[in-house]
Amino acid sequence: MNPVDRNISDIVLIVDDIPENLSLLHDALDETGYTVLVATNGESALQRARQSLPDVILLDALMPGMDGFEVARRLKADFSTQHIPIVFMTGLTETEHVVAAFTAGGADYVTKPIRPAEVLARIAAHMQNARQMKQARSALDAFGQATVAVRAIDGKIVWQTPLARKLLNDYFANPEHVAPEELLAWIAAANAARKEQREPPALLVAEGQRRLLASFHDQTGDDEWLVVLREENDASAVESLIAAFRLTQREAEVLYWVVQGKTSKDIGDILGSSPRTVNKHLEHVYEKLGVETRTAAANLAMGKMRGG
């Protein structure tokens, strides 16, 4: 199958077992400028969706074999397709069927007989939302941000950047579409802190000399949270201070722990030195950094450790 060139136009996948419906919708969408893909049953719909990753899926609710509700559930369970908006097409307007469409993961629905103008209007709205989300994800990916969107109510990862996936895989052994329990607990604790106007906790997990920190970026839905992850590593931070300020190994270690807010006694306990020796190292650090106080040294070092 030839790859679809999504630079030319937005892609809509129509899934319906009635040829007349396919023809009507295909012509209307094609004339509007969309690239149109079609599938006539559930299995081919899943295959097409995974291969082409359309921007929106128009999905018939009732089909022989695998119905539209099951197709939607499978699309939403697959990490590669779960972000695609699904617009159900149904002749069933009873409340239970509308509820079933949304429960299965539908973003919207239109009723049969199909009115092309209504379908085009619904698709345009969802296409705009999908385009904005895609641009936001692409920007985060390009800047190497470790960002993950989590739905707290069921622990599902709605989407994540490649770096976020790597960090979560490095620290936690769990399926990539499910948030680890530690992250869900952190979201609950951080959300409670925000409501009480307290500073949310930063530490997500510590493992040896490295730590995974988390911070809220935004709330994208009623129960959906956008979280930024950041890894801190003692050894790499010390190496960055050595390179930035031409410090000795021990001077860089002392400065690193100053940045962490440790006292000279604390640093002595960590490094196996006396507080007097730590202060001697600090004098050399001040001289090399051109500062006179711990606060000034810490601020300068923090900027370098964060890539400034």
Protein backbone atom coordinates (compact mmCIF):
# COMPACT_ATOMS: atom_id res chain seq x y z
CA MET A 1 0.00 0.00 0.00
CA ASN A 2 1.45 3.39 -0.97
CA PRO A 3 1.92 5.82 1.91
CA VAL A 4 -0.52 8.71 2.06
CA ASP A 5 1.05 12.15 1.60
CA ARG A 6 -0.46 14.10 4.49
CA ASN A 7 1.37 17.23 3.38
CA ILE A 8 -1.11 17.52 0.50
CA SER A 9 -4.34 17.38 2.50
CA ASP A 10 -5.96 16.18 5.71
CA ILE A 11 -7.00 12.52 5.78
CA VAL A 12 -10.46 11.15 6.57
CA LEU A 13 -11.17 7.43 6.91
CA ILE A 14 -14.80 6.44 6.21
CA VAL A 15 -15.95 3.09 7.60
CA ASP A 16 -19.34 1.88 6.33
CA ASP A 17 -20.66 -1.34 4.82
CA ILE A 18 -23.24 0.45 2.63
CA PRO A 19 -21.77 1.39 -0.80
CA GLU A 20 -24.25 4.26 -1.27
CA ASN A 21 -23.14 5.90 1.97
CA LEU A 22 -19.48 5.50 1.05
CA SER A 23 -20.05 7.04 -2.36
CA LEU A 24 -22.03 10.01 -1.00
CA LEU A 25 -19.48 10.82 1.69
CA HIS A 26 -16.45 10.14 -0.50
CA ASP A 27 -17.63 12.59 -3.17
CA ALA A 28 -18.50 15.32 -0.64
CA LEU A 29 -15.18 15.03 1.22
CA ASP A 30 -13.13 14.71 -1.96
CA GLU A 31 -14.70 17.85 -3.43
CA THR A 32 -13.85 19.72 -0.22
CA GLY A 33 -10.19 18.79 -0.58
CA TYR A 34 -9.75 15.93 1.89
CA THR A 35 -7.81 12.78 1.12
CA VAL A 36 -10.42 10.05 1.58
CA LEU A 37 -9.78 6.43 2.59
CA VAL A 38 -12.54 3.83 2.86
CA ALA A 39 -13.11 0.57 4.71
CA THR A 40 -16.20 -1.65 4.54
CA ASN A 41 -15.74 -3.71 7.73
CA GLY A 42 -14.17 -3.53 11.17
CA GLU A 43 -10.99 -5.49 10.48
CA SER A 44 -10.06 -3.46 7.41
CA ALA A 45 -10.89 -0.26 9.32
CA LEU A 46 -8.39 -1.14 12.05
CA GLN A 47 -5.75 -2.02 9.47
CA ARG A 48 -6.29 1.19 7.48
CA ALA A 49 -6.22 3.31 10.62
CA ARG A 50 -2.93 1.84 11.84
CA GLN A 51 -1.29 2.13 8.42
CA SER A 52 -2.40 5.64 7.48
CA LEU A 53 -3.16 7.33 10.84
CA PRO A 54 -6.02 9.48 9.49
CA ASP A 55 -6.85 12.83 11.05
CA VAL A 56 -10.53 11.92 11.60
CA ILE A 57 -12.50 8.67 11.33
CA LEU A 58 -16.16 8.55 10.23
CA LEU A 59 -17.41 5.28 11.68
CA ASP A 60 -20.71 3.45 11.06
CA ALA A 61 -22.07 2.21 14.38
CA LEU A 62 -23.83 -0.93 13.10
CA MET A 63 -21.96 -3.23 10.71
CA PRO A 64 -21.99 -7.03 10.22
CA GLY A 65 -19.34 -8.83 12.24
CA MET A 66 -17.34 -6.32 14.29
CA ASP A 67 -19.60 -3.33 14.93
CA GLY A 68 -18.47 0.28 15.14
CA PHE A 69 -18.49 0.34 18.93
CA GLU A 70 -15.95 -2.51 19.06
CA VAL A 71 -13.85 -0.88 16.34
CA ALA A 72 -13.75 2.33 18.39
CA ARG A 73 -12.78 0.48 21.56
CA ARG A 74 -9.89 -1.22 19.76
CA LEU A 75 -8.71 2.04 18.18
CA LYS A 76 -8.71 3.72 21.59
CA ALA A 77 -6.85 0.78 23.16
CA ASP A 78 -4.06 1.06 20.55
CA PHE A 79 -1.51 3.74 21.47
CA SER A 80 -0.82 4.58 17.82
CA THR A 81 -4.49 5.35 17.01
CA GLN A 82 -6.05 6.39 20.32
CA HIS A 83 -5.59 10.12 19.58
CA ILE A 84 -7.68 10.06 16.36
CA PRO A 85 -11.14 11.70 16.74
CA ILE A 86 -13.99 9.31 15.89
CA VAL A 87 -17.32 10.62 14.58
CA PHE A 88 -20.00 7.92 14.74
CA MET A 89 -22.65 7.60 12.02
CA THR A 90 -25.83 6.00 13.30
CA GLY A 91 -29.52 5.74 12.56
CA LEU A 92 -30.06 4.97 16.23
CA THR A 93 -30.83 8.11 18.21
CA GLU A 94 -32.01 6.40 21.39
CA THR A 95 -30.08 7.59 24.43
CA GLU A 96 -28.48 4.18 25.06
CA HIS A 97 -26.88 4.14 21.61
CA VAL A 98 -25.62 7.72 21.89
CA VAL A 99 -24.15 6.86 25.29
CA ALA A 100 -22.59 3.70 23.81
CA ALA A 101 -20.91 5.79 21.10
CA PHE A 102 -19.29 8.15 23.59
CA THR A 103 -18.44 5.33 26.00
CA ALA A 104 -16.60 3.53 23.19
CA GLY A 105 -14.46 6.62 22.61
CA GLY A 106 -16.45 8.63 20.09
CA ALA A 107 -15.88 12.38 19.95
CA ASP A 108 -19.15 13.13 18.14
CA TYR A 109 -21.98 11.53 16.16
CA VAL A 110 -24.21 12.27 13.17
CA THR A 111 -27.51 10.58 12.40
CA LYS A 112 -28.59 8.78 9.27
CA PRO A 113 -29.76 9.49 6.65
CA ILE A 114 -26.43 11.25 6.16
CA ARG A 115 -26.50 14.97 5.35
CA PRO A 116 -23.12 15.78 3.77
CA ALA A 117 -23.19 19.45 4.83
CA GLU A 118 -23.61 18.45 8.49
CA VAL A 119 -20.85 15.84 8.26
CA LEU A 120 -18.47 18.36 6.67
CA ALA A 121 -19.16 20.88 9.44
CA ARG A 122 -18.54 18.30 12.18
CA ILE A 123 -15.36 17.05 10.52
CA ALA A 124 -14.01 20.58 10.05
CA ALA A 125 -14.39 21.27 13.78
CA HIS A 126 -12.67 18.06 14.83
CA MET A 127 -10.00 18.47 12.15
CA GLN A 128 -9.09 21.87 13.58
CA ASN A 129 -8.73 20.41 17.08
CA ALA A 130 -6.72 17.48 15.77
CA ARG A 131 -4.43 19.83 13.81
CA GLN A 132 -3.77 21.99 16.88
CA MET A 133 -2.96 18.94 19.01
CA LYS A 134 -0.67 17.58 16.30
CA GLN A 135 1.19 20.89 16.07
CA ALA A 136 1.58 21.04 19.85
CA ARG A 137 2.94 17.48 19.98
CA SER A 138 5.30 18.11 17.07
CA ALA A 139 6.65 21.22 18.80
CA LEU A 140 7.21 19.33 22.05
CA ASP A 141 8.90 16.47 20.18
CA ALA A 142 11.15 18.90 18.29
CA PHE A 143 12.32 20.57 21.51
CA GLY A 144 13.00 17.24 23.20
CA GLN A 145 10.39 17.81 25.90
CA ALA A 146 9.45 14.85 28.08
CA THR A 147 5.72 15.55 28.21
CA VAL A 148 2.92 13.08 28.93
CA ALA A 149 -0.89 13.53 28.98
CA VAL A 150 -2.57 11.33 31.59
CA ARG A 151 -6.26 10.70 32.18
CA ALA A 152 -6.32 10.35 35.96
CA ILE A 153 -9.73 8.66 36.25
CA ASP A 154 -8.56 5.43 34.56
CA GLY A 155 -4.77 5.90 34.48
CA LYS A 156 -4.57 5.89 30.68
CA ILE A 157 -1.75 7.72 28.90
CA VAL A 158 -3.52 9.76 26.22
CA TRP A 159 -0.26 10.63 24.46
CA GLN A 160 3.41 11.18 25.21
CA THR A 161 6.51 12.50 23.52
CA PRO A 162 9.35 10.08 22.66
CA LEU A 163 11.51 11.38 25.54
CA ALA A 164 8.67 10.92 28.04
CA ARG A 165 8.19 7.34 26.80
CA LYS A 166 11.91 6.67 27.27
CA LEU A 167 11.99 8.07 30.82
CA LEU A 168 8.88 6.15 31.87
CA ASN A 169 10.31 2.96 30.39
CA ASP A 170 13.64 3.58 32.15
CA TYR A 171 12.10 4.08 35.59
CA PHE A 172 8.96 1.93 35.51
CA ALA A 173 8.11 -1.51 34.17
CA ASN A 174 4.56 -1.09 32.88
CA PRO A 175 2.64 -1.04 29.55
CA GLU A 176 3.32 2.20 27.66
CA HIS A 177 -0.38 3.12 27.37
CA VAL A 178 -0.96 2.93 31.16
CA ALA A 179 0.49 5.47 33.59
CA PRO A 180 2.58 3.94 36.41
CA GLU A 181 1.00 4.02 39.87
CA GLU A 182 3.75 6.33 41.10
CA LEU A 183 2.85 8.95 38.47
CA LEU A 184 -0.89 8.73 39.30
CA ALA A 185 -0.08 9.12 43.02
CA TRP A 186 2.11 12.15 42.20
CA ILE A 187 -0.71 13.73 40.13
CA ALA A 188 -3.14 13.27 43.05
CA ALA A 189 -0.67 14.75 45.57
CA ALA A 190 0.33 17.64 43.30
CA ASN A 191 -3.29 18.45 42.44
CA ALA A 192 -4.19 18.51 46.14
CA ALA A 193 -1.26 20.84 46.82
CA ARG A 194 -2.35 23.20 44.04
CA LYS A 195 -5.91 23.36 45.39
CA GLU A 196 -4.51 24.30 48.81
CA GLN A 197 -2.17 26.82 47.14
CA ARG A 198 0.89 24.90 48.30
CA GLU A 199 3.98 24.19 46.22
CA PRO A 200 3.41 20.85 44.41
CA PRO A 201 6.04 18.16 45.06
CA ALA A 202 8.73 17.88 42.39
CA LEU A 203 10.20 14.45 43.09
CA LEU A 204 8.46 11.57 41.35
CA VAL A 205 10.98 8.81 42.07
CA ALA A 206 14.63 8.52 43.16
CA GLU A 207 16.85 5.69 41.97
CA GLY A 208 20.49 5.67 43.08
CA GLN A 209 22.21 8.83 41.84
CA ARG A 210 19.39 9.81 39.52
CA ARG A 211 15.94 11.25 40.12
CA LEU A 212 12.84 11.71 37.99
CA LEU A 213 11.08 15.04 38.66
CA ALA A 214 7.62 16.05 37.52
CA SER A 215 5.71 19.31 37.14
CA PHE A 216 2.26 20.24 35.86
CA HIS A 217 2.20 21.93 32.47
CA ASP A 218 -1.55 22.25 32.03
CA GLN A 219 -4.94 20.64 32.56
CA THR A 220 -6.25 19.69 29.11
CA GLY A 221 -9.60 18.26 30.23
CA ASP A 222 -11.77 17.72 33.30
CA ASP A 223 -9.60 14.81 34.41
CA GLU A 224 -6.70 14.98 31.94
CA TRP A 225 -3.31 16.30 33.01
CA LEU A 226 -0.28 17.37 31.01
CA VAL A 227 2.86 16.55 33.00
CA VAL A 228 6.46 17.50 32.19
CA LEU A 229 9.13 15.02 33.29
CA ARG A 230 12.78 15.87 33.93
CA GLU A 231 15.66 13.64 34.94
CA GLU A 232 18.33 14.78 37.34
CA ASN A 233 21.55 12.82 37.61
CA ASP A 234 24.18 13.63 40.26
CA ALA A 235 27.11 12.39 38.18
CA SER A 236 26.18 14.23 34.97
CA ALA A 237 25.42 17.44 36.91
CA VAL A 238 28.84 17.33 38.56
CA GLU A 239 30.49 16.76 35.17
CA SER A 240 28.67 19.79 33.73
CA LEU A 241 29.98 21.97 36.60
CA ILE A 242 33.55 20.75 36.06
CA ALA A 243 33.33 21.62 32.37
CA ALA A 244 31.61 24.99 32.88
CA PHE A 245 33.83 26.41 35.63
CA ARG A 246 37.05 24.36 35.40
CA LEU A 247 36.54 22.98 38.89
CA THR A 248 38.19 19.94 40.41
CA GLN A 249 36.02 16.87 40.97
CA ARG A 250 35.67 17.60 44.69
CA GLU A 251 34.98 21.33 44.15
CA ALA A 252 32.23 20.45 41.67
CA GLU A 253 30.73 17.95 44.11
CA VAL A 254 30.70 20.56 46.89
CA LEU A 255 29.07 23.13 44.58
CA TYR A 256 26.49 20.59 43.41
CA TRP A 257 25.35 19.93 46.98
CA VAL A 258 25.30 23.66 47.72
CA VAL A 259 22.81 23.98 44.84
CA GLN A 260 20.74 21.25 46.52
CA GLY A 261 20.54 23.45 49.64
CA LYS A 262 22.87 21.39 51.82
CA THR A 263 24.89 22.94 54.67
CA SER A 264 28.66 22.51 54.96
CA LYS A 265 28.07 19.87 57.66
CA ASP A 266 25.59 18.00 55.41
CA ILE A 267 28.06 18.11 52.50
CA GLY A 268 30.86 16.88 54.76
CA ASP A 269 28.71 13.91 55.81
CA ILE A 270 27.86 13.10 52.18
CA LEU A 271 31.44 13.39 50.91
CA GLY A 272 33.21 12.03 53.98
CA SER A 273 34.98 15.33 54.74
CA SER A 274 34.98 17.80 57.62
CA PRO A 275 32.92 21.00 57.36
CA ARG A 276 36.23 22.92 57.48
CA THR A 277 37.49 21.09 54.39
CA VAL A 278 34.18 21.73 52.62
CA ASN A 279 34.50 25.47 53.34
CA LYS A 280 38.05 25.45 51.93
CA HIS A 281 36.73 23.93 48.70
CA LEU A 282 33.99 26.56 48.68
CA GLU A 283 36.55 29.36 48.87
CA HIS A 284 38.19 27.99 45.71
CA VAL A 285 34.78 27.70 44.06
CA TYR A 286 33.92 31.35 44.84
CA GLU A 287 37.22 32.45 43.37
CA LYS A 288 36.74 30.50 40.15
CA LEU A 289 33.13 31.65 39.74
CA GLY A 290 33.92 35.26 40.64
CA VAL A 291 31.31 35.42 43.42
CA GLU A 292 31.36 36.00 47.17
CA THR A 293 28.37 34.12 48.61
CA ARG A 294 26.81 30.66 48.60
CA THR A 295 23.61 32.06 47.10
CA ALA A 296 25.44 33.68 44.19
CA ALA A 297 27.44 30.52 43.55
CA ALA A 298 24.30 28.36 43.69
CA ASN A 299 22.39 30.63 41.28
CA LEU A 300 25.25 30.63 38.79
CA ALA A 301 25.68 26.86 39.01
CA MET A 302 21.92 26.23 38.69
CA GLY A 303 21.85 28.14 35.43
CA LYS A 304 24.64 25.97 34.00
CA MET A 305 23.06 22.72 35.23
CA ARG A 306 19.81 23.66 33.45
CA GLY A 307 21.63 24.32 30.24
CA GLY A 308 21.82 28.10 30.58
